[in-house]
Structures are given as structure tokens and as C-alpha cells.
Amino acid sequence: MLRIELSGIEPLIWRRVAVRTSMTLTQVHLVIQAAMGWLDCHLWHFEAGGCRYSMRVASEPEWNERYEDAARVTLGALLESGLRRFDYAYDMGDDWEHSVIVEKVAAPLPGVTYPQFLGGERRCPPEDCGGPPGYFEFLKNVLSKQKRLRDHALVWYGGPYDPDDIDETKIVRALGRIAGKRRAKR
């Protein structure tokens, strides 16, 4: 069971998910994207035990030299090394930092499909809002009594935004798609 916490935001935005330890770090990345509500359109990386892991970028040999291939390392391999906490960064421009805490390791339950959403609080910030400072400005405008500021923020976002609504249905659907792809590969 993983707890994912978005750093630098108060009140805390977090998610709890159950995953299989056989997942690669690339698959864990997809789970984090789905659980948090990110759109998976930026670079990302994990830092764990002094190593950095990310996707391979064909046109970026310098990037590939800096990171181990996340598709070749499983969550279980990190756990075997004793790690129970590691970091995940998404969108190096906005710099969204996450702490990933391993809360529990247990055998998978029969008949349960993984990954599984177990809980969380608060909606993820909008993509490309400018990191924590931009998010705080966005929230200030969304909650403003000034109609012009509020309307501008909501038009930019593309609709209503409730920072307390995590949209659990959307998270469960997104994780279900990941589970379906994993089943199809077996």
C-alpha cells in the first residue's frame, strides 16, 4: 500500500493506493498520474536509494545518461533494498514533488484487481498552473469575490474547480484502465 503526498501544498493533497510489487517504476508512475489526476504530458523521475529512474527519451541521450530505465526496475526491487520512502517529481518546469511512502506490504488478496484506490483528500492542482506558487494564485482567484478574477481562472481551467473534491470516480476509472492493461498483458 502506497501513500502519495504532494509536497509544498497546504492543506495536504494525498492519495492511498494498493499496488502489486511486481509493477515497474514506469507502471507506478502511471498509477501516481491516475491517482493524483495529472495528465501525463511532462517528464518525470523517481529518486530512491541514491538512484534516479525515469523513462527513456529517444532524442535525449543526455537525459538517458542521468537516469536509470524505470521500465527495468520493479517496486519490489526497491522494497528488497529496504526502501520504504522515495520521491517522485513530475513536470520539471512546474516542479511537482511527491513523497511516496510504503505503508504496508502484504500478499495480494484473491479476486482483487490492482491498482486499487483506497482514499485521499483534495483535488490535484491543474496541469501547467505554475507549480505551488501558481496553484496558490489560481486558488486565490477561483475563490475570489471579484467576478472578473474568478471567471478568468475558471475559463483558463475549463470549468468549475472545487479544491476539496478529488473526483474519486475519475480516479477509480483511470486506475481500472491500468488494471485492465496489466490483465491483457498476462
N, C-alpha and C. Protein backbone atom coordinates (compact mmCIF):
# COMPACT_ATOMS: atom_id res chain seq x y z
N MET A 1 0.84 -1.16 0.00
CA MET A 1 0.00 0.00 0.00
C MET A 1 0.90 1.24 0.00
N LEU A 2 0.62 2.16 -0.93
CA LEU A 2 1.41 3.37 -1.06
C LEU A 2 0.57 4.59 -0.67
N ARG A 3 1.22 5.52 0.00
CA ARG A 3 0.62 6.82 0.26
C ARG A 3 1.45 7.84 -0.53
N ILE A 4 0.76 8.62 -1.36
CA ILE A 4 1.40 9.60 -2.22
C ILE A 4 1.01 10.98 -1.71
N GLU A 5 2.00 11.79 -1.36
CA GLU A 5 1.74 13.13 -0.84
C GLU A 5 2.38 14.16 -1.74
N LEU A 6 1.62 15.17 -2.12
CA LEU A 6 2.14 16.27 -2.93
C LEU A 6 2.81 17.27 -2.00
N SER A 7 4.09 17.50 -2.21
CA SER A 7 4.87 18.38 -1.33
C SER A 7 4.59 19.85 -1.64
N GLY A 8 4.74 20.68 -0.61
CA GLY A 8 4.66 22.12 -0.80
C GLY A 8 3.28 22.70 -0.85
N ILE A 9 2.25 21.90 -0.58
CA ILE A 9 0.87 22.37 -0.63
C ILE A 9 0.21 22.12 0.72
N GLU A 10 -0.42 23.15 1.26
CA GLU A 10 -1.21 23.02 2.49
C GLU A 10 -2.60 23.57 2.23
N PRO A 11 -3.67 22.91 2.65
CA PRO A 11 -3.67 21.60 3.28
C PRO A 11 -3.19 20.51 2.31
N LEU A 12 -2.71 19.44 2.90
CA LEU A 12 -2.06 18.35 2.17
C LEU A 12 -3.00 17.73 1.14
N ILE A 13 -2.45 17.46 -0.04
CA ILE A 13 -3.12 16.70 -1.09
C ILE A 13 -2.45 15.34 -1.10
N TRP A 14 -3.24 14.27 -0.89
CA TRP A 14 -2.65 12.94 -0.80
C TRP A 14 -3.59 11.88 -1.36
N ARG A 15 -3.01 10.72 -1.69
CA ARG A 15 -3.76 9.55 -2.17
C ARG A 15 -3.16 8.30 -1.54
N ARG A 16 -4.00 7.29 -1.37
CA ARG A 16 -3.55 5.97 -0.92
C ARG A 16 -4.02 4.96 -1.96
N VAL A 17 -3.08 4.12 -2.42
CA VAL A 17 -3.38 3.11 -3.43
C VAL A 17 -2.73 1.79 -3.04
N ALA A 18 -3.38 0.72 -3.42
CA ALA A 18 -2.80 -0.62 -3.29
C ALA A 18 -2.30 -1.02 -4.67
N VAL A 19 -1.07 -1.48 -4.72
CA VAL A 19 -0.45 -1.88 -5.99
C VAL A 19 0.28 -3.21 -5.79
N ARG A 20 0.60 -3.84 -6.87
CA ARG A 20 1.42 -5.05 -6.82
C ARG A 20 2.89 -4.65 -6.82
N THR A 21 3.70 -5.35 -6.06
CA THR A 21 5.13 -5.04 -6.02
C THR A 21 5.83 -5.44 -7.32
N SER A 22 5.16 -6.21 -8.15
CA SER A 22 5.73 -6.61 -9.45
C SER A 22 5.67 -5.48 -10.48
N MET A 23 5.00 -4.38 -10.16
CA MET A 23 4.92 -3.26 -11.09
C MET A 23 6.29 -2.62 -11.29
N THR A 24 6.58 -2.23 -12.53
CA THR A 24 7.79 -1.47 -12.78
C THR A 24 7.58 -0.04 -12.29
N LEU A 25 8.67 0.70 -12.17
CA LEU A 25 8.53 2.09 -11.76
C LEU A 25 7.79 2.90 -12.83
N THR A 26 7.88 2.50 -14.08
CA THR A 26 7.09 3.17 -15.13
C THR A 26 5.60 2.95 -14.85
N GLN A 27 5.22 1.76 -14.44
CA GLN A 27 3.82 1.50 -14.11
C GLN A 27 3.41 2.24 -12.84
N VAL A 28 4.30 2.32 -11.85
CA VAL A 28 4.00 3.10 -10.64
C VAL A 28 3.79 4.57 -11.02
N HIS A 29 4.59 5.07 -11.94
CA HIS A 29 4.40 6.43 -12.45
C HIS A 29 2.97 6.60 -12.98
N LEU A 30 2.50 5.64 -13.78
CA LEU A 30 1.14 5.73 -14.33
C LEU A 30 0.09 5.71 -13.23
N VAL A 31 0.32 4.92 -12.18
CA VAL A 31 -0.60 4.88 -11.05
C VAL A 31 -0.64 6.24 -10.35
N ILE A 32 0.52 6.84 -10.14
CA ILE A 32 0.57 8.16 -9.50
C ILE A 32 -0.16 9.18 -10.35
N GLN A 33 0.07 9.15 -11.66
CA GLN A 33 -0.62 10.07 -12.56
C GLN A 33 -2.13 9.92 -12.44
N ALA A 34 -2.62 8.69 -12.46
CA ALA A 34 -4.05 8.43 -12.38
C ALA A 34 -4.62 8.83 -11.02
N ALA A 35 -3.93 8.47 -9.96
CA ALA A 35 -4.44 8.73 -8.61
C ALA A 35 -4.45 10.22 -8.29
N MET A 36 -3.44 10.93 -8.74
CA MET A 36 -3.36 12.36 -8.43
C MET A 36 -4.22 13.20 -9.38
N GLY A 37 -4.44 12.70 -10.59
CA GLY A 37 -5.22 13.47 -11.56
C GLY A 37 -4.36 14.25 -12.53
N TRP A 38 -3.06 13.92 -12.61
CA TRP A 38 -2.20 14.55 -13.59
C TRP A 38 -2.54 14.03 -14.99
N LEU A 39 -2.05 14.71 -16.02
CA LEU A 39 -2.39 14.35 -17.40
C LEU A 39 -1.27 13.60 -18.13
N ASP A 40 -0.14 13.34 -17.47
CA ASP A 40 0.98 12.59 -18.02
C ASP A 40 1.48 13.19 -19.34
N CYS A 41 1.74 14.49 -19.32
CA CYS A 41 2.24 15.14 -20.53
C CYS A 41 3.56 15.87 -20.29
N HIS A 42 4.28 15.50 -19.23
CA HIS A 42 5.57 16.11 -18.91
C HIS A 42 6.56 15.02 -18.49
N LEU A 43 7.83 15.39 -18.47
CA LEU A 43 8.85 14.47 -17.98
C LEU A 43 8.68 14.24 -16.48
N TRP A 44 9.24 13.13 -16.00
CA TRP A 44 9.11 12.74 -14.60
C TRP A 44 10.31 11.90 -14.22
N HIS A 45 10.51 11.76 -12.92
CA HIS A 45 11.54 10.82 -12.43
C HIS A 45 11.30 10.47 -10.97
N PHE A 46 11.86 9.32 -10.60
CA PHE A 46 11.88 8.87 -9.21
C PHE A 46 13.29 9.04 -8.68
N GLU A 47 13.40 9.30 -7.39
CA GLU A 47 14.68 9.24 -6.68
C GLU A 47 14.49 8.28 -5.53
N ALA A 48 15.33 7.24 -5.51
CA ALA A 48 15.19 6.20 -4.49
C ALA A 48 16.55 5.59 -4.21
N GLY A 49 16.93 5.60 -2.96
CA GLY A 49 18.16 4.94 -2.55
C GLY A 49 19.40 5.44 -3.27
N GLY A 50 19.44 6.72 -3.56
CA GLY A 50 20.60 7.29 -4.24
C GLY A 50 20.61 7.12 -5.75
N CYS A 51 19.58 6.51 -6.30
CA CYS A 51 19.47 6.34 -7.75
C CYS A 51 18.29 7.15 -8.28
N ARG A 52 18.39 7.51 -9.55
CA ARG A 52 17.31 8.24 -10.22
C ARG A 52 16.82 7.39 -11.38
N TYR A 53 15.50 7.29 -11.52
CA TYR A 53 14.88 6.45 -12.53
C TYR A 53 13.87 7.28 -13.32
N SER A 54 13.82 7.03 -14.62
CA SER A 54 12.84 7.71 -15.46
C SER A 54 12.63 6.91 -16.74
N MET A 55 11.82 7.49 -17.62
CA MET A 55 11.58 6.88 -18.92
C MET A 55 12.77 7.17 -19.84
N ARG A 56 12.90 6.40 -20.87
CA ARG A 56 13.89 6.64 -21.90
C ARG A 56 13.31 7.67 -22.88
N VAL A 57 14.13 8.61 -23.30
CA VAL A 57 13.73 9.61 -24.28
C VAL A 57 14.67 9.46 -25.47
N ALA A 58 14.14 8.95 -26.58
CA ALA A 58 14.97 8.59 -27.73
C ALA A 58 15.83 9.75 -28.22
N SER A 59 15.30 10.95 -28.21
CA SER A 59 16.03 12.09 -28.77
C SER A 59 16.88 12.83 -27.74
N GLU A 60 17.00 12.28 -26.54
CA GLU A 60 17.71 12.97 -25.46
C GLU A 60 18.74 12.05 -24.78
N PRO A 61 19.88 11.79 -25.43
CA PRO A 61 20.87 10.90 -24.82
C PRO A 61 21.39 11.42 -23.47
N GLU A 62 21.48 12.72 -23.30
CA GLU A 62 21.94 13.27 -22.02
C GLU A 62 20.95 12.94 -20.90
N TRP A 63 19.65 13.02 -21.19
CA TRP A 63 18.63 12.64 -20.22
C TRP A 63 18.82 11.17 -19.85
N ASN A 64 18.97 10.33 -20.85
CA ASN A 64 19.09 8.89 -20.61
C ASN A 64 20.33 8.53 -19.81
N GLU A 65 21.40 9.32 -19.94
CA GLU A 65 22.61 9.07 -19.15
C GLU A 65 22.40 9.41 -17.68
N ARG A 66 21.52 10.37 -17.39
CA ARG A 66 21.31 10.81 -16.00
C ARG A 66 20.38 9.89 -15.22
N TYR A 67 19.58 9.08 -15.92
CA TYR A 67 18.55 8.28 -15.25
C TYR A 67 18.65 6.81 -15.63
N GLU A 68 18.43 5.95 -14.64
CA GLU A 68 18.25 4.52 -14.90
C GLU A 68 16.88 4.33 -15.55
N ASP A 69 16.72 3.26 -16.30
CA ASP A 69 15.47 2.99 -17.00
C ASP A 69 14.41 2.48 -16.02
N ALA A 70 13.37 3.29 -15.80
CA ALA A 70 12.31 2.94 -14.85
C ALA A 70 11.51 1.72 -15.29
N ALA A 71 11.55 1.40 -16.57
CA ALA A 71 10.83 0.22 -17.07
C ALA A 71 11.53 -1.08 -16.70
N ARG A 72 12.76 -0.99 -16.20
CA ARG A 72 13.53 -2.19 -15.87
C ARG A 72 13.67 -2.44 -14.37
N VAL A 73 13.00 -1.62 -13.57
CA VAL A 73 13.11 -1.74 -12.12
C VAL A 73 11.70 -1.87 -11.54
N THR A 74 11.52 -2.87 -10.67
CA THR A 74 10.20 -3.06 -10.06
C THR A 74 10.15 -2.40 -8.68
N LEU A 75 8.94 -2.15 -8.26
CA LEU A 75 8.72 -1.65 -6.90
C LEU A 75 9.28 -2.67 -5.90
N GLY A 76 9.09 -3.94 -6.18
CA GLY A 76 9.61 -5.00 -5.31
C GLY A 76 11.11 -4.93 -5.14
N ALA A 77 11.84 -4.59 -6.21
CA ALA A 77 13.30 -4.47 -6.12
C ALA A 77 13.68 -3.34 -5.16
N LEU A 78 12.96 -2.23 -5.20
CA LEU A 78 13.24 -1.15 -4.25
C LEU A 78 12.96 -1.61 -2.82
N LEU A 79 11.86 -2.32 -2.65
CA LEU A 79 11.49 -2.79 -1.31
C LEU A 79 12.51 -3.79 -0.77
N GLU A 80 13.05 -4.64 -1.64
CA GLU A 80 14.06 -5.60 -1.22
C GLU A 80 15.31 -4.91 -0.69
N SER A 81 15.58 -3.72 -1.20
CA SER A 81 16.75 -2.96 -0.74
C SER A 81 16.48 -2.25 0.59
N GLY A 82 15.26 -2.38 1.11
CA GLY A 82 14.93 -1.78 2.39
C GLY A 82 14.24 -0.43 2.31
N LEU A 83 14.06 0.10 1.12
CA LEU A 83 13.41 1.41 0.99
C LEU A 83 11.93 1.34 1.38
N ARG A 84 11.49 2.33 2.10
CA ARG A 84 10.08 2.44 2.46
C ARG A 84 9.54 3.83 2.15
N ARG A 85 10.41 4.65 1.54
CA ARG A 85 10.02 6.00 1.15
C ARG A 85 10.92 6.42 -0.01
N PHE A 86 10.31 7.05 -1.01
CA PHE A 86 11.09 7.58 -2.13
C PHE A 86 10.36 8.77 -2.71
N ASP A 87 11.02 9.46 -3.62
CA ASP A 87 10.48 10.70 -4.17
C ASP A 87 10.13 10.52 -5.64
N TYR A 88 9.13 11.29 -6.05
CA TYR A 88 8.67 11.30 -7.44
C TYR A 88 8.49 12.76 -7.84
N ALA A 89 9.09 13.15 -8.96
CA ALA A 89 8.96 14.52 -9.47
C ALA A 89 8.26 14.46 -10.82
N TYR A 90 7.35 15.39 -11.03
CA TYR A 90 6.60 15.47 -12.28
C TYR A 90 6.63 16.91 -12.78
N ASP A 91 6.85 17.07 -14.06
CA ASP A 91 6.86 18.38 -14.72
C ASP A 91 7.97 19.25 -14.15
N MET A 92 9.15 19.09 -14.67
CA MET A 92 10.30 19.80 -14.12
C MET A 92 10.17 21.31 -14.24
N GLY A 93 9.27 21.81 -15.09
CA GLY A 93 9.03 23.25 -15.15
C GLY A 93 8.22 23.74 -13.96
N ASP A 94 7.10 23.05 -13.69
CA ASP A 94 6.27 23.40 -12.53
C ASP A 94 6.84 22.81 -11.25
N ASP A 95 7.61 21.74 -11.38
CA ASP A 95 8.33 21.13 -10.25
C ASP A 95 7.39 20.59 -9.17
N TRP A 96 6.54 19.65 -9.56
CA TRP A 96 5.65 19.00 -8.60
C TRP A 96 6.40 17.85 -7.94
N GLU A 97 6.70 18.00 -6.67
CA GLU A 97 7.43 16.99 -5.90
C GLU A 97 6.43 16.18 -5.07
N HIS A 98 6.60 14.87 -5.06
CA HIS A 98 5.75 13.97 -4.31
C HIS A 98 6.61 13.08 -3.42
N SER A 99 6.12 12.78 -2.24
CA SER A 99 6.70 11.73 -1.39
C SER A 99 5.85 10.49 -1.55
N VAL A 100 6.50 9.36 -1.76
CA VAL A 100 5.80 8.08 -1.87
C VAL A 100 6.23 7.25 -0.68
N ILE A 101 5.26 6.94 0.17
CA ILE A 101 5.53 6.20 1.41
C ILE A 101 4.91 4.81 1.31
N VAL A 102 5.72 3.79 1.54
CA VAL A 102 5.21 2.42 1.56
C VAL A 102 4.65 2.20 2.95
N GLU A 103 3.33 2.14 3.06
CA GLU A 103 2.69 1.99 4.36
C GLU A 103 2.57 0.54 4.79
N LYS A 104 2.43 -0.36 3.81
CA LYS A 104 2.21 -1.76 4.16
C LYS A 104 2.58 -2.62 2.96
N VAL A 105 3.18 -3.77 3.24
CA VAL A 105 3.46 -4.76 2.21
C VAL A 105 2.75 -6.04 2.63
N ALA A 106 1.88 -6.53 1.77
CA ALA A 106 1.11 -7.74 2.06
C ALA A 106 0.86 -8.50 0.77
N ALA A 107 0.53 -9.76 0.89
CA ALA A 107 0.19 -10.56 -0.28
C ALA A 107 -1.09 -10.02 -0.90
N PRO A 108 -1.19 -10.07 -2.23
CA PRO A 108 -2.41 -9.60 -2.87
C PRO A 108 -3.61 -10.45 -2.46
N LEU A 109 -4.73 -9.81 -2.33
CA LEU A 109 -5.95 -10.52 -1.95
C LEU A 109 -6.55 -11.22 -3.17
N PRO A 110 -7.03 -12.44 -3.00
CA PRO A 110 -7.63 -13.15 -4.14
C PRO A 110 -8.87 -12.40 -4.64
N GLY A 111 -8.98 -12.33 -5.95
CA GLY A 111 -10.15 -11.69 -6.55
C GLY A 111 -10.12 -10.17 -6.57
N VAL A 112 -9.07 -9.56 -6.04
CA VAL A 112 -8.97 -8.10 -6.02
C VAL A 112 -8.14 -7.65 -7.21
N THR A 113 -8.61 -6.64 -7.90
CA THR A 113 -7.90 -6.08 -9.04
C THR A 113 -7.03 -4.92 -8.57
N TYR A 114 -5.77 -4.93 -9.01
CA TYR A 114 -4.82 -3.88 -8.65
C TYR A 114 -4.38 -3.15 -9.90
N PRO A 115 -4.10 -1.85 -9.81
CA PRO A 115 -4.08 -0.99 -8.63
C PRO A 115 -5.49 -0.66 -8.15
N GLN A 116 -5.57 -0.33 -6.87
CA GLN A 116 -6.85 -0.05 -6.24
C GLN A 116 -6.76 1.25 -5.46
N PHE A 117 -7.75 2.11 -5.64
CA PHE A 117 -7.82 3.38 -4.91
C PHE A 117 -8.36 3.12 -3.52
N LEU A 118 -7.66 3.63 -2.49
CA LEU A 118 -8.07 3.40 -1.11
C LEU A 118 -8.44 4.68 -0.36
N GLY A 119 -8.13 5.83 -0.93
CA GLY A 119 -8.51 7.08 -0.27
C GLY A 119 -7.63 8.23 -0.66
N GLY A 120 -8.02 9.41 -0.17
CA GLY A 120 -7.24 10.60 -0.44
C GLY A 120 -8.03 11.84 -0.06
N GLU A 121 -7.37 12.97 -0.19
CA GLU A 121 -8.01 14.24 0.11
C GLU A 121 -7.52 15.31 -0.86
N ARG A 122 -8.42 16.15 -1.26
CA ARG A 122 -8.22 17.36 -2.04
C ARG A 122 -7.85 17.07 -3.49
N ARG A 123 -8.36 17.91 -4.36
CA ARG A 123 -8.12 17.81 -5.80
C ARG A 123 -6.69 18.21 -6.13
N CYS A 124 -6.14 17.55 -7.11
CA CYS A 124 -4.81 17.86 -7.61
C CYS A 124 -4.83 19.25 -8.27
N PRO A 125 -3.73 19.97 -8.20
CA PRO A 125 -3.66 21.26 -8.90
C PRO A 125 -3.83 21.06 -10.40
N PRO A 126 -4.28 22.10 -11.10
CA PRO A 126 -4.37 21.99 -12.55
C PRO A 126 -2.99 21.86 -13.19
N GLU A 127 -2.95 21.12 -14.27
CA GLU A 127 -1.73 20.98 -15.04
C GLU A 127 -1.28 22.37 -15.53
N ASP A 128 0.01 22.60 -15.54
CA ASP A 128 0.61 23.82 -16.09
C ASP A 128 0.16 25.11 -15.41
N CYS A 129 -0.14 25.05 -14.12
CA CYS A 129 -0.57 26.27 -13.42
C CYS A 129 0.61 27.04 -12.83
N GLY A 130 1.82 26.51 -12.92
CA GLY A 130 2.98 27.25 -12.43
C GLY A 130 3.53 26.75 -11.12
N GLY A 131 3.35 25.46 -10.82
CA GLY A 131 3.87 24.90 -9.57
C GLY A 131 3.10 25.43 -8.37
N PRO A 132 3.61 25.14 -7.17
CA PRO A 132 2.89 25.59 -5.96
C PRO A 132 2.56 27.09 -5.95
N PRO A 133 3.48 27.99 -6.32
CA PRO A 133 3.10 29.42 -6.29
C PRO A 133 1.95 29.73 -7.25
N GLY A 134 1.99 29.15 -8.45
CA GLY A 134 0.91 29.37 -9.43
C GLY A 134 -0.40 28.76 -8.95
N TYR A 135 -0.32 27.62 -8.28
CA TYR A 135 -1.52 26.98 -7.75
C TYR A 135 -2.17 27.85 -6.69
N PHE A 136 -1.36 28.41 -5.80
CA PHE A 136 -1.92 29.28 -4.76
C PHE A 136 -2.58 30.51 -5.38
N GLU A 137 -1.99 31.05 -6.42
CA GLU A 137 -2.57 32.20 -7.12
C GLU A 137 -3.88 31.79 -7.80
N PHE A 138 -3.88 30.61 -8.43
CA PHE A 138 -5.09 30.08 -9.07
C PHE A 138 -6.21 29.92 -8.04
N LEU A 139 -5.88 29.31 -6.90
CA LEU A 139 -6.90 29.13 -5.85
C LEU A 139 -7.44 30.46 -5.35
N LYS A 140 -6.54 31.41 -5.15
CA LYS A 140 -6.96 32.73 -4.69
C LYS A 140 -7.96 33.32 -5.67
N ASN A 141 -7.69 33.17 -6.97
CA ASN A 141 -8.58 33.72 -7.99
C ASN A 141 -9.89 32.94 -8.09
N VAL A 142 -9.82 31.61 -8.02
CA VAL A 142 -11.04 30.79 -8.08
C VAL A 142 -11.99 31.12 -6.92
N LEU A 143 -11.41 31.40 -5.76
CA LEU A 143 -12.21 31.69 -4.57
C LEU A 143 -12.46 33.18 -4.35
N SER A 144 -12.01 34.01 -5.29
CA SER A 144 -12.14 35.46 -5.16
C SER A 144 -13.60 35.91 -5.21
N LYS A 145 -13.89 36.97 -4.51
CA LYS A 145 -15.22 37.59 -4.58
C LYS A 145 -15.33 38.45 -5.83
N GLN A 146 -14.18 38.74 -6.45
CA GLN A 146 -14.19 39.53 -7.68
C GLN A 146 -14.51 38.62 -8.87
N LYS A 147 -15.66 38.85 -9.45
CA LYS A 147 -16.15 38.02 -10.54
C LYS A 147 -15.15 37.93 -11.69
N ARG A 148 -14.50 39.03 -12.04
CA ARG A 148 -13.55 39.05 -13.15
C ARG A 148 -12.40 38.08 -12.90
N LEU A 149 -11.81 38.10 -11.70
CA LEU A 149 -10.71 37.19 -11.36
C LEU A 149 -11.18 35.73 -11.36
N ARG A 150 -12.32 35.51 -10.72
CA ARG A 150 -12.87 34.15 -10.62
C ARG A 150 -13.18 33.59 -12.01
N ASP A 151 -13.88 34.37 -12.83
CA ASP A 151 -14.25 33.91 -14.17
C ASP A 151 -13.03 33.64 -15.03
N HIS A 152 -12.03 34.51 -14.95
CA HIS A 152 -10.81 34.31 -15.74
C HIS A 152 -10.13 32.99 -15.34
N ALA A 153 -10.03 32.71 -14.04
CA ALA A 153 -9.39 31.47 -13.58
C ALA A 153 -10.18 30.25 -14.04
N LEU A 154 -11.50 30.31 -13.96
CA LEU A 154 -12.32 29.16 -14.33
C LEU A 154 -12.34 28.94 -15.84
N VAL A 155 -12.28 30.02 -16.62
CA VAL A 155 -12.20 29.86 -18.07
C VAL A 155 -10.85 29.23 -18.43
N TRP A 156 -9.76 29.70 -17.79
CA TRP A 156 -8.45 29.10 -18.04
C TRP A 156 -8.47 27.61 -17.70
N TYR A 157 -9.08 27.27 -16.57
CA TYR A 157 -9.13 25.87 -16.14
C TYR A 157 -10.04 25.04 -17.04
N GLY A 158 -11.09 25.63 -17.54
CA GLY A 158 -12.00 24.91 -18.42
C GLY A 158 -13.28 24.46 -17.76
N GLY A 159 -13.60 25.01 -16.59
CA GLY A 159 -14.84 24.64 -15.91
C GLY A 159 -14.73 24.88 -14.43
N PRO A 160 -15.69 24.37 -13.68
CA PRO A 160 -15.66 24.57 -12.22
C PRO A 160 -14.48 23.84 -11.58
N TYR A 161 -14.02 24.38 -10.47
CA TYR A 161 -12.91 23.76 -9.74
C TYR A 161 -13.21 23.83 -8.25
N ASP A 162 -13.34 22.66 -7.64
CA ASP A 162 -13.55 22.56 -6.20
C ASP A 162 -12.31 21.91 -5.61
N PRO A 163 -11.48 22.66 -4.86
CA PRO A 163 -10.24 22.09 -4.34
C PRO A 163 -10.43 20.94 -3.36
N ASP A 164 -11.64 20.79 -2.82
CA ASP A 164 -11.89 19.71 -1.86
C ASP A 164 -12.43 18.44 -2.51
N ASP A 165 -12.85 18.50 -3.76
CA ASP A 165 -13.42 17.35 -4.45
C ASP A 165 -12.33 16.64 -5.24
N ILE A 166 -11.96 15.42 -4.83
CA ILE A 166 -10.88 14.71 -5.52
C ILE A 166 -11.37 13.97 -6.77
N ASP A 167 -12.67 13.92 -7.00
CA ASP A 167 -13.25 13.22 -8.15
C ASP A 167 -12.86 11.75 -8.13
N GLU A 168 -13.30 11.08 -7.07
CA GLU A 168 -12.97 9.67 -6.86
C GLU A 168 -13.38 8.79 -8.04
N THR A 169 -14.52 9.08 -8.65
CA THR A 169 -14.98 8.28 -9.79
C THR A 169 -13.96 8.30 -10.92
N LYS A 170 -13.42 9.46 -11.21
CA LYS A 170 -12.40 9.59 -12.27
C LYS A 170 -11.14 8.81 -11.90
N ILE A 171 -10.73 8.87 -10.65
CA ILE A 171 -9.53 8.15 -10.20
C ILE A 171 -9.74 6.64 -10.33
N VAL A 172 -10.88 6.15 -9.86
CA VAL A 172 -11.17 4.72 -9.92
C VAL A 172 -11.20 4.24 -11.38
N ARG A 173 -11.81 5.03 -12.27
CA ARG A 173 -11.85 4.67 -13.69
C ARG A 173 -10.43 4.60 -14.28
N ALA A 174 -9.61 5.62 -13.98
CA ALA A 174 -8.25 5.66 -14.52
C ALA A 174 -7.43 4.48 -14.01
N LEU A 175 -7.54 4.16 -12.73
CA LEU A 175 -6.81 3.01 -12.20
C LEU A 175 -7.35 1.71 -12.79
N GLY A 176 -8.64 1.66 -13.05
CA GLY A 176 -9.24 0.48 -13.69
C GLY A 176 -8.68 0.24 -15.08
N ARG A 177 -8.42 1.32 -15.83
CA ARG A 177 -7.81 1.18 -17.15
C ARG A 177 -6.40 0.60 -17.03
N ILE A 178 -5.66 1.03 -16.03
CA ILE A 178 -4.31 0.48 -15.81
C ILE A 178 -4.40 -1.00 -15.47
N ALA A 179 -5.33 -1.36 -14.60
CA ALA A 179 -5.51 -2.77 -14.22
C ALA A 179 -5.89 -3.60 -15.43
N GLY A 180 -6.76 -3.06 -16.29
CA GLY A 180 -7.17 -3.78 -17.49
C GLY A 180 -6.01 -4.02 -18.44
N LYS A 181 -5.14 -3.04 -18.60
CA LYS A 181 -3.97 -3.20 -19.46
C LYS A 181 -3.02 -4.24 -18.89
N ARG A 182 -2.88 -4.26 -17.56
CA ARG A 182 -2.00 -5.26 -16.93
C ARG A 182 -2.56 -6.67 -17.14
N ARG A 183 -3.88 -6.83 -17.00
CA ARG A 183 -4.51 -8.15 -17.20
C ARG A 183 -4.34 -8.59 -18.65
N ALA A 184 -4.49 -7.67 -19.58
CA ALA A 184 -4.39 -8.01 -21.00
C ALA A 184 -2.98 -8.48 -21.37
N LYS A 185 -1.96 -7.99 -20.68
CA LYS A 185 -0.59 -8.39 -20.98
C LYS A 185 -0.27 -9.79 -20.47
N ARG A 186 -1.03 -10.28 -19.51
CA ARG A 186 -0.74 -11.63 -18.95
C ARG A 186 -1.20 -12.72 -19.84
